[in-house]
Protein backbone atom coordinates (compact mmCIF):
# COMPACT_ATOMS: atom_id res chain seq x y z
CA MET A 1 -15.96 -115.82 136.53
CA SER A 2 -18.81 -117.66 136.96
CA GLU A 3 -17.85 -118.95 140.58
CA ILE A 4 -17.85 -114.80 141.71
CA ASN A 5 -21.14 -114.81 140.36
CA HIS A 6 -22.40 -117.52 142.38
CA VAL A 7 -21.16 -115.64 145.82
CA VAL A 8 -21.72 -111.95 145.09
CA ASP A 9 -25.38 -110.72 144.28
CA LYS A 10 -26.66 -108.44 141.58
CA ASP A 11 -25.89 -105.64 144.23
CA GLY A 12 -22.41 -106.79 144.48
CA GLU A 13 -22.89 -108.46 148.16
CA LEU A 14 -21.01 -110.95 149.04
CA ALA A 15 -23.04 -114.25 149.74
CA LEU A 16 -20.86 -116.23 152.21
CA GLY A 17 -23.45 -118.75 152.29
CA LYS A 18 -23.19 -120.10 148.88
CA VAL A 19 -19.35 -120.64 148.82
CA ASP A 20 -19.92 -123.88 149.40
CA GLN A 21 -22.60 -124.63 147.23
CA ALA A 22 -20.08 -123.17 144.11
CA LEU A 23 -17.67 -124.99 145.36
CA ASP A 24 -20.07 -128.52 145.12
CA ARG A 25 -20.67 -127.36 141.49
CA MET A 26 -17.11 -127.32 140.71
CA ASP A 27 -15.95 -130.15 138.22
CA SER A 28 -13.99 -133.06 139.85
CA GLY A 29 -11.39 -132.85 137.11
CA LYS A 30 -11.01 -129.44 137.53
CA LYS A 31 -11.06 -129.34 141.18
CA ASP A 32 -8.52 -132.08 140.95
CA GLU A 33 -6.08 -129.88 138.21
CA ILE A 34 -6.22 -127.16 140.89
CA LEU A 35 -5.15 -129.31 143.79
CA GLN A 36 -3.48 -131.53 142.71
CA ASN A 37 0.10 -129.32 142.94
CA PHE A 38 0.46 -126.12 145.19
CA SER A 39 2.04 -123.89 142.40
CA GLU A 40 -1.56 -124.25 140.42
CA PHE A 41 -3.65 -123.51 143.60
CA LYS A 42 -1.68 -120.45 144.31
CA SER A 43 -2.18 -118.62 140.42
CA TYR A 44 -5.59 -120.47 140.50
CA LEU A 45 -6.32 -118.45 143.78
CA ALA A 46 -4.44 -115.73 142.62
CA LYS A 47 -6.89 -115.09 139.09
CA ARG A 48 -9.90 -115.51 141.35
CA ILE A 49 -8.81 -112.54 144.00
CA GLU A 50 -8.01 -110.57 140.55
CA LEU A 51 -11.39 -111.03 139.76
CA ALA A 52 -13.34 -110.57 143.01
CA GLU A 53 -11.05 -107.41 143.25
CA THR A 54 -12.73 -105.99 140.22
CA VAL A 55 -15.94 -107.04 141.22
CA GLY A 56 -15.36 -104.41 144.32
CA LEU A 57 -14.34 -107.10 147.25
CA ASN A 58 -12.13 -105.80 150.10
CA GLU A 59 -9.24 -107.50 151.97
CA GLU A 60 -11.58 -108.36 154.55
CA GLN A 61 -14.29 -109.77 152.16
CA LEU A 62 -11.75 -111.70 150.39
CA ALA A 63 -10.17 -113.01 153.55
CA LEU A 64 -13.50 -114.36 154.36
CA VAL A 65 -13.94 -115.87 151.26
CA ALA A 66 -10.71 -117.68 152.16
CA GLN A 67 -11.61 -118.75 155.08
CA LYS A 68 -14.79 -119.90 153.42
CA ILE A 69 -13.20 -121.92 151.07
CA ALA A 70 -10.32 -123.05 153.34
CA GLY A 71 -13.11 -124.39 155.93
CA TYR A 72 -14.60 -126.42 152.97
CA LEU A 73 -11.01 -127.94 151.88
CA ALA A 74 -10.30 -129.02 155.06
CA LYS A 75 -13.51 -130.52 155.72
CA HIS A 76 -13.88 -131.88 152.17
CA GLU A 77 -10.71 -132.91 150.33
CA GLU A 78 -7.60 -134.77 151.02
CA PRO A 79 -4.60 -132.99 150.61
CA ARG A 80 -2.84 -133.64 147.39
CA ASN A 81 0.73 -132.34 148.38
CA ARG A 82 2.68 -131.39 151.71
CA GLU A 83 2.01 -128.17 151.22
CA GLU A 84 -1.77 -128.52 151.46
CA LYS A 85 -1.12 -131.22 154.09
CA LEU A 86 0.40 -128.33 156.23
CA LEU A 87 -2.06 -125.96 155.57
CA GLN A 88 -5.04 -128.50 156.47
CA GLU A 89 -3.21 -129.44 159.63
CA LEU A 90 -2.60 -125.92 160.59
CA TRP A 91 -6.69 -125.03 159.93
CA LYS A 92 -7.35 -127.86 162.10
CA VAL A 93 -5.72 -126.52 165.43
CA GLY A 94 -6.26 -122.84 164.71
CA SER A 95 -8.82 -121.11 166.59
CA GLU A 96 -11.28 -119.33 164.47
CA GLU A 97 -9.46 -115.86 164.68
CA GLU A 98 -6.06 -117.68 164.39
CA GLN A 99 -7.93 -119.06 160.61
CA HIS A 100 -8.98 -116.02 159.93
CA LYS A 101 -5.86 -114.88 160.11
CA LEU A 102 -4.27 -117.36 158.24
CA SER A 103 -6.89 -116.75 155.53
CA HIS A 104 -5.49 -113.04 155.22
CA LEU A 105 -1.97 -114.67 154.55
CA LEU A 106 -3.12 -116.77 152.04
CA VAL A 107 -4.52 -114.35 150.00
CA LYS A 108 -1.45 -112.24 150.57
CA LEU A 109 0.33 -115.18 149.12
CA ALA A 110 -1.73 -115.34 146.28
CA GLN A 111 -1.57 -111.89 145.48
CA SER A 112 1.89 -111.88 145.29
CA GLU A 113 1.59 -114.72 142.57
CA GLY A 114 0.00 -112.25 140.29
C-alpha cells in the first residue's frame, strides 16, 4: 500500500507528479523481481490496480497513473523480456493519445489477471 499512499493525497486526490518519486524510491531488487518476468509484472500491476480501486481511483485515473508509470519505465528501465521490449517500442512510436490508449489497455490486461 505504500506506493499508492505516495501518489494519492490525504483527500484521496491523485498526485501524478509524485509517481516518478515513488518509483525512484522502490527498492532495486524488488523492481528487478517485478520486471524480470512479464507474468510477475502483470500480477504486480493487477494487485496495485486492485488497491487503487479500493481507495477510489476510477478507470481514467488508473490509466493516467499507468501512462505515467509506462513513460517512466520506457525512459529509465531496460526491458528484461520480449513483452517489455514490445511495449517499450510501441510506447516510443506512439503519440501521447496512443500512449494513453495503450495505458487503458494495460490496465485492462492487468485487471484480467486479478
